Amino acid sequence: MDWQKLETYFRSLDRSLFVENELKKHASLDEPLPIGFGQTISQPSLVLEMTRLLEPENDSKVLEIGTGSGFQTALLAKMSAEVYTVERIEQLAEKAKQRLNALNFSNIYYKIGDGSTGWQECAPYDRIMVTAAAGLLPDELVDQLATGGRMVIPIGPPHLQELKLITKTDTGEINLKTVELVRF
């Protein structure tokens, strides 16, 4: 992974483009902000950390669960070949698509639906980023992870989760590592 490219793009990406109205003045704060429908845009430091853990490569095919505002999607699309992003709330997905199109991304594919089941028709994925809390590790997502792939996912109850790094070895073995505690 090109860490310098990630850092440079992350610092240049204006988070205020991904929030609305009066929240724009708070976009530079390192904290989550509401984006409507009971959803938030994660704090920038966590978005960067999760992207680093995922280690997307120039040729990576990435599945993102939870398009949200599109901020994380923009980072993934800059660092990867293709991003398949799933959002369950149609209004959020449409706004994110408009923002990302305005930034001239052409390597992002959108789907409205339940992200816990992934996007089977386009699997397997080299990387899977989950930006919403899961009570348990979804088997459907693990099944869609390519051999040698990586997944980053917060797992746990609604108010506190363990951020997990899941890797699939060349032999298909699944390894789980807890990175830190998070709140999604």
N, C-alpha and C. Protein backbone atom coordinates (compact mmCIF):
# COMPACT_ATOMS: atom_id res chain seq x y z
N MET A 1 0.85 -1.19 0.00
CA MET A 1 0.00 0.00 0.00
C MET A 1 0.88 1.24 0.00
N ASP A 2 0.46 2.23 -0.73
CA ASP A 2 1.19 3.50 -0.82
C ASP A 2 0.72 4.43 0.30
N TRP A 3 1.41 4.34 1.44
CA TRP A 3 1.01 5.11 2.63
C TRP A 3 1.04 6.61 2.36
N GLN A 4 2.06 7.07 1.63
CA GLN A 4 2.19 8.50 1.36
C GLN A 4 1.03 8.99 0.50
N LYS A 5 0.64 8.21 -0.49
CA LYS A 5 -0.50 8.58 -1.34
C LYS A 5 -1.76 8.68 -0.50
N LEU A 6 -1.95 7.72 0.41
CA LEU A 6 -3.11 7.75 1.29
C LEU A 6 -3.11 9.00 2.16
N GLU A 7 -2.00 9.27 2.82
CA GLU A 7 -1.88 10.46 3.69
C GLU A 7 -2.16 11.74 2.91
N THR A 8 -1.55 11.86 1.74
CA THR A 8 -1.69 13.07 0.94
C THR A 8 -3.14 13.27 0.51
N TYR A 9 -3.76 12.22 0.01
CA TYR A 9 -5.15 12.35 -0.42
C TYR A 9 -6.07 12.60 0.77
N PHE A 10 -5.84 11.91 1.87
CA PHE A 10 -6.66 12.10 3.06
C PHE A 10 -6.62 13.56 3.52
N ARG A 11 -5.43 14.15 3.55
CA ARG A 11 -5.29 15.54 3.99
C ARG A 11 -5.91 16.52 3.00
N SER A 12 -5.97 16.14 1.73
CA SER A 12 -6.53 17.04 0.72
C SER A 12 -8.05 16.91 0.58
N LEU A 13 -8.61 15.83 1.10
CA LEU A 13 -10.04 15.57 0.95
C LEU A 13 -10.82 16.44 1.93
N ASP A 14 -11.61 17.35 1.41
CA ASP A 14 -12.37 18.29 2.22
C ASP A 14 -13.61 17.62 2.80
N ARG A 15 -13.57 17.31 4.08
CA ARG A 15 -14.68 16.60 4.74
C ARG A 15 -15.97 17.42 4.70
N SER A 16 -15.87 18.75 4.57
CA SER A 16 -17.08 19.57 4.54
C SER A 16 -17.94 19.27 3.31
N LEU A 17 -17.35 18.67 2.27
CA LEU A 17 -18.12 18.28 1.09
C LEU A 17 -19.09 17.13 1.40
N PHE A 18 -18.86 16.45 2.51
CA PHE A 18 -19.62 15.25 2.85
C PHE A 18 -20.63 15.45 3.97
N VAL A 19 -20.77 16.69 4.45
CA VAL A 19 -21.78 17.02 5.45
C VAL A 19 -22.60 18.20 4.93
N GLU A 20 -23.69 18.47 5.58
CA GLU A 20 -24.60 19.48 5.06
C GLU A 20 -24.74 20.67 5.99
N ASN A 21 -25.07 21.80 5.37
CA ASN A 21 -25.49 23.04 6.01
C ASN A 21 -24.61 23.47 7.18
N GLU A 22 -25.24 23.61 8.35
CA GLU A 22 -24.54 24.15 9.53
C GLU A 22 -23.44 23.23 10.03
N LEU A 23 -23.44 21.97 9.64
CA LEU A 23 -22.41 21.04 10.09
C LEU A 23 -21.07 21.26 9.37
N LYS A 24 -21.09 21.96 8.25
CA LYS A 24 -19.85 22.20 7.50
C LYS A 24 -18.79 22.87 8.36
N LYS A 25 -19.20 23.75 9.25
CA LYS A 25 -18.23 24.46 10.09
C LYS A 25 -17.56 23.53 11.11
N HIS A 26 -18.13 22.34 11.32
CA HIS A 26 -17.57 21.37 12.26
C HIS A 26 -16.79 20.26 11.55
N ALA A 27 -16.72 20.32 10.24
CA ALA A 27 -16.13 19.23 9.45
C ALA A 27 -14.67 18.98 9.78
N SER A 28 -13.95 19.99 10.23
CA SER A 28 -12.53 19.81 10.53
C SER A 28 -12.28 19.18 11.91
N LEU A 29 -13.33 19.01 12.71
CA LEU A 29 -13.17 18.39 14.03
C LEU A 29 -13.00 16.89 13.89
N ASP A 30 -12.20 16.29 14.76
CA ASP A 30 -11.99 14.85 14.73
C ASP A 30 -13.05 14.17 15.60
N GLU A 31 -14.29 14.23 15.10
CA GLU A 31 -15.40 13.60 15.79
C GLU A 31 -16.48 13.24 14.78
N PRO A 32 -17.32 12.25 15.13
CA PRO A 32 -18.41 11.89 14.22
C PRO A 32 -19.42 13.03 14.12
N LEU A 33 -20.06 13.14 12.96
CA LEU A 33 -21.08 14.16 12.74
C LEU A 33 -22.31 13.49 12.13
N PRO A 34 -23.51 13.99 12.47
CA PRO A 34 -24.73 13.40 11.90
C PRO A 34 -24.84 13.69 10.40
N ILE A 35 -25.35 12.70 9.64
CA ILE A 35 -25.58 12.89 8.21
C ILE A 35 -27.04 12.61 7.85
N GLY A 36 -27.87 12.45 8.88
CA GLY A 36 -29.29 12.19 8.65
C GLY A 36 -29.64 10.73 8.80
N PHE A 37 -30.92 10.46 9.00
CA PHE A 37 -31.45 9.10 9.09
C PHE A 37 -30.81 8.30 10.23
N GLY A 38 -30.37 9.01 11.29
CA GLY A 38 -29.76 8.34 12.44
C GLY A 38 -28.35 7.85 12.17
N GLN A 39 -27.72 8.29 11.08
CA GLN A 39 -26.39 7.85 10.69
C GLN A 39 -25.37 8.97 10.92
N THR A 40 -24.10 8.59 10.97
CA THR A 40 -23.03 9.58 11.16
C THR A 40 -21.91 9.35 10.15
N ILE A 41 -21.14 10.40 9.94
CA ILE A 41 -19.86 10.30 9.25
C ILE A 41 -18.84 10.12 10.38
N SER A 42 -18.02 9.10 10.28
CA SER A 42 -17.07 8.79 11.35
C SER A 42 -16.01 9.88 11.48
N GLN A 43 -15.36 9.91 12.64
CA GLN A 43 -14.30 10.89 12.84
C GLN A 43 -13.15 10.56 11.89
N PRO A 44 -12.52 11.59 11.33
CA PRO A 44 -11.48 11.40 10.33
C PRO A 44 -10.35 10.46 10.76
N SER A 45 -9.92 10.54 12.00
CA SER A 45 -8.81 9.68 12.44
C SER A 45 -9.18 8.20 12.35
N LEU A 46 -10.44 7.86 12.63
CA LEU A 46 -10.88 6.47 12.54
C LEU A 46 -11.00 6.02 11.08
N VAL A 47 -11.48 6.90 10.22
CA VAL A 47 -11.56 6.59 8.79
C VAL A 47 -10.17 6.28 8.25
N LEU A 48 -9.21 7.10 8.60
CA LEU A 48 -7.83 6.88 8.14
C LEU A 48 -7.26 5.58 8.71
N GLU A 49 -7.48 5.35 10.00
CA GLU A 49 -6.97 4.13 10.64
C GLU A 49 -7.57 2.87 10.00
N MET A 50 -8.87 2.88 9.75
CA MET A 50 -9.52 1.73 9.14
C MET A 50 -9.00 1.49 7.73
N THR A 51 -8.74 2.57 7.00
CA THR A 51 -8.21 2.43 5.64
C THR A 51 -6.80 1.87 5.68
N ARG A 52 -6.00 2.32 6.63
CA ARG A 52 -4.64 1.77 6.79
C ARG A 52 -4.69 0.28 7.10
N LEU A 53 -5.60 -0.12 8.00
CA LEU A 53 -5.73 -1.53 8.35
C LEU A 53 -6.15 -2.38 7.14
N LEU A 54 -7.00 -1.82 6.31
CA LEU A 54 -7.50 -2.55 5.15
C LEU A 54 -6.39 -2.78 4.11
N GLU A 55 -5.46 -1.82 4.03
CA GLU A 55 -4.35 -1.90 3.08
C GLU A 55 -4.79 -2.11 1.63
N PRO A 56 -5.66 -1.24 1.11
CA PRO A 56 -6.06 -1.39 -0.29
C PRO A 56 -4.86 -1.14 -1.22
N GLU A 57 -4.82 -1.89 -2.30
CA GLU A 57 -3.76 -1.75 -3.30
C GLU A 57 -4.37 -1.19 -4.59
N ASN A 58 -3.51 -0.72 -5.48
CA ASN A 58 -3.98 -0.14 -6.75
C ASN A 58 -4.86 -1.08 -7.54
N ASP A 59 -4.65 -2.39 -7.40
CA ASP A 59 -5.43 -3.36 -8.16
C ASP A 59 -6.53 -4.04 -7.32
N SER A 60 -6.80 -3.52 -6.11
CA SER A 60 -7.79 -4.13 -5.22
C SER A 60 -9.21 -3.90 -5.69
N LYS A 61 -10.01 -4.95 -5.55
CA LYS A 61 -11.45 -4.88 -5.73
C LYS A 61 -12.03 -4.84 -4.31
N VAL A 62 -12.69 -3.73 -3.96
CA VAL A 62 -13.12 -3.49 -2.59
C VAL A 62 -14.64 -3.49 -2.48
N LEU A 63 -15.14 -4.15 -1.45
CA LEU A 63 -16.55 -4.06 -1.07
C LEU A 63 -16.63 -3.18 0.16
N GLU A 64 -17.47 -2.14 0.08
CA GLU A 64 -17.71 -1.27 1.23
C GLU A 64 -19.15 -1.45 1.67
N ILE A 65 -19.33 -1.74 2.95
CA ILE A 65 -20.67 -1.88 3.51
C ILE A 65 -20.96 -0.61 4.31
N GLY A 66 -21.93 0.17 3.84
CA GLY A 66 -22.28 1.43 4.48
C GLY A 66 -21.66 2.61 3.76
N THR A 67 -22.24 3.03 2.65
CA THR A 67 -21.73 4.16 1.89
C THR A 67 -21.78 5.44 2.71
N GLY A 68 -22.88 5.62 3.45
CA GLY A 68 -23.04 6.82 4.28
C GLY A 68 -22.94 8.08 3.45
N SER A 69 -22.06 8.98 3.87
CA SER A 69 -21.88 10.26 3.18
C SER A 69 -20.98 10.12 1.95
N GLY A 70 -20.21 9.03 1.88
CA GLY A 70 -19.28 8.83 0.77
C GLY A 70 -17.84 9.19 1.09
N PHE A 71 -17.57 9.68 2.29
CA PHE A 71 -16.21 10.10 2.66
C PHE A 71 -15.24 8.92 2.62
N GLN A 72 -15.59 7.83 3.30
CA GLN A 72 -14.74 6.63 3.29
C GLN A 72 -14.65 6.07 1.87
N THR A 73 -15.74 6.12 1.13
CA THR A 73 -15.78 5.62 -0.24
C THR A 73 -14.75 6.35 -1.10
N ALA A 74 -14.65 7.66 -0.93
CA ALA A 74 -13.68 8.45 -1.71
C ALA A 74 -12.25 7.98 -1.44
N LEU A 75 -11.92 7.73 -0.19
CA LEU A 75 -10.57 7.24 0.14
C LEU A 75 -10.32 5.88 -0.50
N LEU A 76 -11.29 5.00 -0.38
CA LEU A 76 -11.14 3.66 -0.95
C LEU A 76 -11.00 3.72 -2.47
N ALA A 77 -11.81 4.56 -3.11
CA ALA A 77 -11.77 4.66 -4.57
C ALA A 77 -10.45 5.24 -5.06
N LYS A 78 -9.87 6.14 -4.30
CA LYS A 78 -8.57 6.72 -4.67
C LYS A 78 -7.45 5.69 -4.57
N MET A 79 -7.57 4.75 -3.64
CA MET A 79 -6.50 3.81 -3.35
C MET A 79 -6.69 2.45 -4.03
N SER A 80 -7.81 2.22 -4.72
CA SER A 80 -8.16 0.90 -5.23
C SER A 80 -8.56 0.96 -6.70
N ALA A 81 -8.66 -0.21 -7.31
CA ALA A 81 -9.10 -0.30 -8.70
C ALA A 81 -10.61 -0.10 -8.81
N GLU A 82 -11.36 -0.78 -7.95
CA GLU A 82 -12.83 -0.72 -7.98
C GLU A 82 -13.38 -0.77 -6.57
N VAL A 83 -14.47 -0.02 -6.36
CA VAL A 83 -15.18 -0.05 -5.08
C VAL A 83 -16.64 -0.35 -5.36
N TYR A 84 -17.14 -1.40 -4.71
CA TYR A 84 -18.55 -1.77 -4.75
C TYR A 84 -19.11 -1.39 -3.40
N THR A 85 -20.01 -0.41 -3.37
CA THR A 85 -20.48 0.11 -2.10
C THR A 85 -21.99 -0.12 -1.94
N VAL A 86 -22.37 -0.59 -0.76
CA VAL A 86 -23.76 -0.94 -0.46
C VAL A 86 -24.26 -0.05 0.66
N GLU A 87 -25.41 0.59 0.44
CA GLU A 87 -26.04 1.45 1.45
C GLU A 87 -27.51 1.07 1.53
N ARG A 88 -28.03 0.93 2.75
CA ARG A 88 -29.42 0.53 2.90
C ARG A 88 -30.39 1.70 2.81
N ILE A 89 -29.91 2.92 3.02
CA ILE A 89 -30.79 4.11 3.00
C ILE A 89 -30.61 4.80 1.64
N GLU A 90 -31.64 4.72 0.82
CA GLU A 90 -31.55 5.21 -0.56
C GLU A 90 -31.17 6.69 -0.65
N GLN A 91 -31.73 7.53 0.22
CA GLN A 91 -31.44 8.96 0.16
C GLN A 91 -29.96 9.24 0.44
N LEU A 92 -29.37 8.52 1.39
CA LEU A 92 -27.93 8.69 1.66
C LEU A 92 -27.10 8.23 0.47
N ALA A 93 -27.49 7.10 -0.11
CA ALA A 93 -26.76 6.57 -1.26
C ALA A 93 -26.78 7.55 -2.42
N GLU A 94 -27.93 8.15 -2.68
CA GLU A 94 -28.04 9.09 -3.80
C GLU A 94 -27.19 10.34 -3.58
N LYS A 95 -27.22 10.87 -2.36
CA LYS A 95 -26.38 12.04 -2.05
C LYS A 95 -24.90 11.71 -2.18
N ALA A 96 -24.51 10.55 -1.67
CA ALA A 96 -23.11 10.13 -1.76
C ALA A 96 -22.69 9.98 -3.22
N LYS A 97 -23.55 9.39 -4.02
CA LYS A 97 -23.25 9.19 -5.44
C LYS A 97 -23.06 10.54 -6.14
N GLN A 98 -23.91 11.50 -5.84
CA GLN A 98 -23.77 12.85 -6.42
C GLN A 98 -22.44 13.48 -6.02
N ARG A 99 -22.08 13.37 -4.74
CA ARG A 99 -20.81 13.94 -4.27
C ARG A 99 -19.61 13.28 -4.96
N LEU A 100 -19.64 11.96 -5.02
CA LEU A 100 -18.52 11.22 -5.59
C LEU A 100 -18.41 11.41 -7.10
N ASN A 101 -19.55 11.55 -7.78
CA ASN A 101 -19.52 11.87 -9.21
C ASN A 101 -18.93 13.25 -9.43
N ALA A 102 -19.26 14.20 -8.54
CA ALA A 102 -18.71 15.55 -8.65
C ALA A 102 -17.20 15.56 -8.46
N LEU A 103 -16.67 14.57 -7.73
CA LEU A 103 -15.23 14.44 -7.54
C LEU A 103 -14.59 13.61 -8.66
N ASN A 104 -15.39 13.28 -9.66
CA ASN A 104 -14.92 12.58 -10.88
C ASN A 104 -14.47 11.14 -10.67
N PHE A 105 -15.06 10.45 -9.71
CA PHE A 105 -14.74 9.02 -9.55
C PHE A 105 -15.55 8.23 -10.58
N SER A 106 -14.89 7.30 -11.24
CA SER A 106 -15.56 6.46 -12.23
C SER A 106 -15.39 4.97 -11.91
N ASN A 107 -14.79 4.68 -10.77
CA ASN A 107 -14.52 3.29 -10.39
C ASN A 107 -15.37 2.83 -9.19
N ILE A 108 -16.51 3.48 -8.98
CA ILE A 108 -17.40 3.15 -7.87
C ILE A 108 -18.71 2.62 -8.41
N TYR A 109 -19.18 1.51 -7.84
CA TYR A 109 -20.44 0.89 -8.22
C TYR A 109 -21.34 0.89 -6.99
N TYR A 110 -22.61 1.23 -7.18
CA TYR A 110 -23.52 1.48 -6.07
C TYR A 110 -24.66 0.45 -6.03
N LYS A 111 -25.04 0.11 -4.80
CA LYS A 111 -26.17 -0.79 -4.61
C LYS A 111 -26.94 -0.35 -3.37
N ILE A 112 -28.26 -0.35 -3.47
CA ILE A 112 -29.13 -0.08 -2.32
C ILE A 112 -29.53 -1.44 -1.77
N GLY A 113 -29.31 -1.66 -0.48
CA GLY A 113 -29.72 -2.93 0.09
C GLY A 113 -29.09 -3.19 1.44
N ASP A 114 -29.32 -4.39 1.93
CA ASP A 114 -28.81 -4.85 3.22
C ASP A 114 -27.35 -5.26 3.06
N GLY A 115 -26.46 -4.47 3.60
CA GLY A 115 -25.04 -4.73 3.46
C GLY A 115 -24.55 -5.99 4.15
N SER A 116 -25.30 -6.48 5.13
CA SER A 116 -24.83 -7.66 5.86
C SER A 116 -24.74 -8.89 4.96
N THR A 117 -25.41 -8.85 3.82
CA THR A 117 -25.33 -9.96 2.87
C THR A 117 -24.32 -9.68 1.75
N GLY A 118 -23.68 -8.51 1.80
CA GLY A 118 -22.65 -8.18 0.82
C GLY A 118 -23.22 -7.90 -0.55
N TRP A 119 -22.45 -8.27 -1.58
CA TRP A 119 -22.85 -8.08 -2.98
C TRP A 119 -22.34 -9.30 -3.72
N GLN A 120 -23.05 -10.40 -3.54
CA GLN A 120 -22.62 -11.72 -4.00
C GLN A 120 -22.31 -11.77 -5.49
N GLU A 121 -23.10 -11.09 -6.32
CA GLU A 121 -22.94 -11.18 -7.77
C GLU A 121 -21.57 -10.71 -8.24
N CYS A 122 -20.93 -9.85 -7.47
CA CYS A 122 -19.64 -9.29 -7.89
C CYS A 122 -18.45 -9.86 -7.11
N ALA A 123 -18.71 -10.77 -6.18
CA ALA A 123 -17.66 -11.37 -5.35
C ALA A 123 -16.77 -12.26 -6.22
N PRO A 124 -15.56 -12.54 -5.78
CA PRO A 124 -14.96 -12.21 -4.48
C PRO A 124 -14.29 -10.83 -4.48
N TYR A 125 -13.99 -10.36 -3.26
CA TYR A 125 -13.37 -9.05 -3.05
C TYR A 125 -12.02 -9.22 -2.37
N ASP A 126 -11.06 -8.43 -2.80
CA ASP A 126 -9.74 -8.44 -2.17
C ASP A 126 -9.78 -7.80 -0.79
N ARG A 127 -10.66 -6.81 -0.66
CA ARG A 127 -10.80 -6.07 0.59
C ARG A 127 -12.28 -5.83 0.86
N ILE A 128 -12.65 -5.89 2.14
CA ILE A 128 -14.01 -5.55 2.55
C ILE A 128 -13.93 -4.60 3.74
N MET A 129 -14.57 -3.43 3.58
CA MET A 129 -14.64 -2.42 4.63
C MET A 129 -16.08 -2.33 5.12
N VAL A 130 -16.28 -2.53 6.42
CA VAL A 130 -17.61 -2.42 7.00
C VAL A 130 -17.60 -1.20 7.91
N THR A 131 -18.49 -0.24 7.60
CA THR A 131 -18.51 1.01 8.35
C THR A 131 -19.72 1.13 9.25
N ALA A 132 -20.31 -0.02 9.60
CA ALA A 132 -21.44 -0.06 10.53
C ALA A 132 -21.22 -1.24 11.47
N ALA A 133 -21.70 -1.11 12.69
CA ALA A 133 -21.50 -2.16 13.68
C ALA A 133 -22.28 -3.42 13.32
N ALA A 134 -21.65 -4.56 13.53
CA ALA A 134 -22.29 -5.86 13.34
C ALA A 134 -22.30 -6.57 14.68
N GLY A 135 -23.40 -7.19 15.00
CA GLY A 135 -23.49 -7.94 16.26
C GLY A 135 -22.55 -9.14 16.24
N LEU A 136 -22.47 -9.80 15.08
CA LEU A 136 -21.61 -10.96 14.88
C LEU A 136 -20.93 -10.82 13.53
N LEU A 137 -19.87 -11.55 13.33
CA LEU A 137 -19.18 -11.56 12.04
C LEU A 137 -20.10 -12.21 11.00
N PRO A 138 -20.53 -11.48 9.97
CA PRO A 138 -21.45 -12.06 8.98
C PRO A 138 -20.74 -13.08 8.08
N ASP A 139 -21.21 -14.32 8.12
CA ASP A 139 -20.63 -15.38 7.29
C ASP A 139 -20.66 -15.03 5.81
N GLU A 140 -21.74 -14.35 5.37
CA GLU A 140 -21.86 -13.99 3.96
C GLU A 140 -20.69 -13.12 3.51
N LEU A 141 -20.25 -12.20 4.36
CA LEU A 141 -19.13 -11.33 4.00
C LEU A 141 -17.82 -12.11 3.99
N VAL A 142 -17.62 -12.98 4.98
CA VAL A 142 -16.41 -13.80 5.02
C VAL A 142 -16.33 -14.66 3.76
N ASP A 143 -17.45 -15.20 3.33
CA ASP A 143 -17.49 -16.04 2.12
C ASP A 143 -17.13 -15.24 0.87
N GLN A 144 -17.40 -13.93 0.87
CA GLN A 144 -17.13 -13.10 -0.31
C GLN A 144 -15.71 -12.53 -0.31
N LEU A 145 -14.95 -12.79 0.75
CA LEU A 145 -13.57 -12.32 0.84
C LEU A 145 -12.66 -13.27 0.05
N ALA A 146 -11.88 -12.71 -0.84
CA ALA A 146 -10.97 -13.50 -1.66
C ALA A 146 -9.85 -14.10 -0.81
N THR A 147 -9.26 -15.17 -1.31
CA THR A 147 -8.07 -15.76 -0.68
C THR A 147 -7.00 -14.68 -0.64
N GLY A 148 -6.37 -14.53 0.52
CA GLY A 148 -5.37 -13.48 0.70
C GLY A 148 -5.98 -12.12 1.01
N GLY A 149 -7.31 -12.07 1.19
CA GLY A 149 -8.01 -10.80 1.41
C GLY A 149 -8.01 -10.33 2.85
N ARG A 150 -8.46 -9.08 3.02
CA ARG A 150 -8.54 -8.44 4.33
C ARG A 150 -9.91 -7.78 4.49
N MET A 151 -10.44 -7.86 5.72
CA MET A 151 -11.69 -7.20 6.04
C MET A 151 -11.51 -6.46 7.36
N VAL A 152 -12.07 -5.24 7.42
CA VAL A 152 -12.10 -4.45 8.65
C VAL A 152 -13.56 -4.26 9.01
N ILE A 153 -13.91 -4.61 10.26
CA ILE A 153 -15.31 -4.59 10.68
C ILE A 153 -15.42 -4.36 12.19
N PRO A 154 -16.33 -3.46 12.62
CA PRO A 154 -16.61 -3.32 14.05
C PRO A 154 -17.66 -4.35 14.47
N ILE A 155 -17.34 -5.14 15.49
CA ILE A 155 -18.25 -6.20 15.94
C ILE A 155 -18.54 -6.02 17.43
N GLY A 156 -19.84 -6.07 17.78
CA GLY A 156 -20.21 -5.98 19.18
C GLY A 156 -21.56 -5.35 19.36
N PRO A 157 -21.94 -5.11 20.62
CA PRO A 157 -23.24 -4.52 20.93
C PRO A 157 -23.32 -3.06 20.46
N PRO A 158 -24.52 -2.48 20.44
CA PRO A 158 -24.73 -1.15 19.87
C PRO A 158 -23.84 -0.02 20.39
N HIS A 159 -23.40 -0.06 21.63
CA HIS A 159 -22.70 1.11 22.16
C HIS A 159 -21.18 0.98 22.23
N LEU A 160 -20.64 -0.21 21.98
CA LEU A 160 -19.19 -0.39 22.00
C LEU A 160 -18.85 -1.66 21.24
N GLN A 161 -17.94 -1.52 20.27
CA GLN A 161 -17.56 -2.67 19.45
C GLN A 161 -16.05 -2.85 19.46
N GLU A 162 -15.64 -4.03 19.08
CA GLU A 162 -14.23 -4.31 18.83
C GLU A 162 -13.99 -4.16 17.34
N LEU A 163 -13.02 -3.33 16.98
CA LEU A 163 -12.65 -3.20 15.58
C LEU A 163 -11.78 -4.40 15.25
N LYS A 164 -12.25 -5.21 14.30
CA LYS A 164 -11.56 -6.46 13.97
C LYS A 164 -10.92 -6.36 12.59
N LEU A 165 -9.75 -6.98 12.47
CA LEU A 165 -9.10 -7.20 11.19
C LEU A 165 -9.22 -8.69 10.92
N ILE A 166 -9.89 -9.02 9.81
CA ILE A 166 -10.06 -10.41 9.41
C ILE A 166 -9.20 -10.63 8.17
N THR A 167 -8.40 -11.68 8.18
CA THR A 167 -7.62 -12.03 7.00
C THR A 167 -7.94 -13.46 6.60
N LYS A 168 -7.87 -13.71 5.30
CA LYS A 168 -8.10 -15.05 4.76
C LYS A 168 -6.79 -15.50 4.12
N THR A 169 -6.22 -16.54 4.67
CA THR A 169 -4.92 -17.03 4.18
C THR A 169 -5.07 -17.69 2.82
N ASP A 170 -3.94 -18.00 2.22
CA ASP A 170 -3.94 -18.67 0.91
C ASP A 170 -4.58 -20.05 0.97
N THR A 171 -4.66 -20.61 2.18
CA THR A 171 -5.30 -21.92 2.34
C THR A 171 -6.77 -21.79 2.74
N GLY A 172 -7.26 -20.54 2.84
CA GLY A 172 -8.66 -20.32 3.18
C GLY A 172 -8.93 -20.19 4.67
N GLU A 173 -7.89 -20.26 5.48
CA GLU A 173 -8.05 -20.11 6.94
C GLU A 173 -8.39 -18.65 7.27
N ILE A 174 -9.31 -18.47 8.22
CA ILE A 174 -9.74 -17.15 8.64
C ILE A 174 -9.06 -16.79 9.96
N ASN A 175 -8.39 -15.64 9.97
CA ASN A 175 -7.75 -15.15 11.19
C ASN A 175 -8.43 -13.85 11.61
N LEU A 176 -8.72 -13.74 12.91
CA LEU A 176 -9.34 -12.55 13.47
C LEU A 176 -8.39 -11.90 14.46
N LYS A 177 -8.26 -10.58 14.36
CA LYS A 177 -7.43 -9.83 15.29
C LYS A 177 -8.22 -8.61 15.77
N THR A 178 -8.28 -8.43 17.09
CA THR A 178 -8.93 -7.24 17.64
C THR A 178 -7.89 -6.12 17.65
N VAL A 179 -8.27 -4.98 17.06
CA VAL A 179 -7.36 -3.85 16.93
C VAL A 179 -7.57 -2.85 18.05
N GLU A 180 -8.83 -2.47 18.27
CA GLU A 180 -9.15 -1.48 19.31
C GLU A 180 -10.65 -1.47 19.54
N LEU A 181 -11.08 -0.76 20.58
CA LEU A 181 -12.50 -0.56 20.85
C LEU A 181 -12.97 0.69 20.13
N VAL A 182 -14.17 0.61 19.53
CA VAL A 182 -14.75 1.73 18.78
C VAL A 182 -16.24 1.84 19.08
N ARG A 183 -16.83 2.95 18.66
CA ARG A 183 -18.28 3.15 18.77
C ARG A 183 -18.86 3.52 17.42
N PHE A 184 -19.72 2.67 16.90
CA PHE A 184 -20.42 2.97 15.65
C PHE A 184 -21.90 3.04 15.91
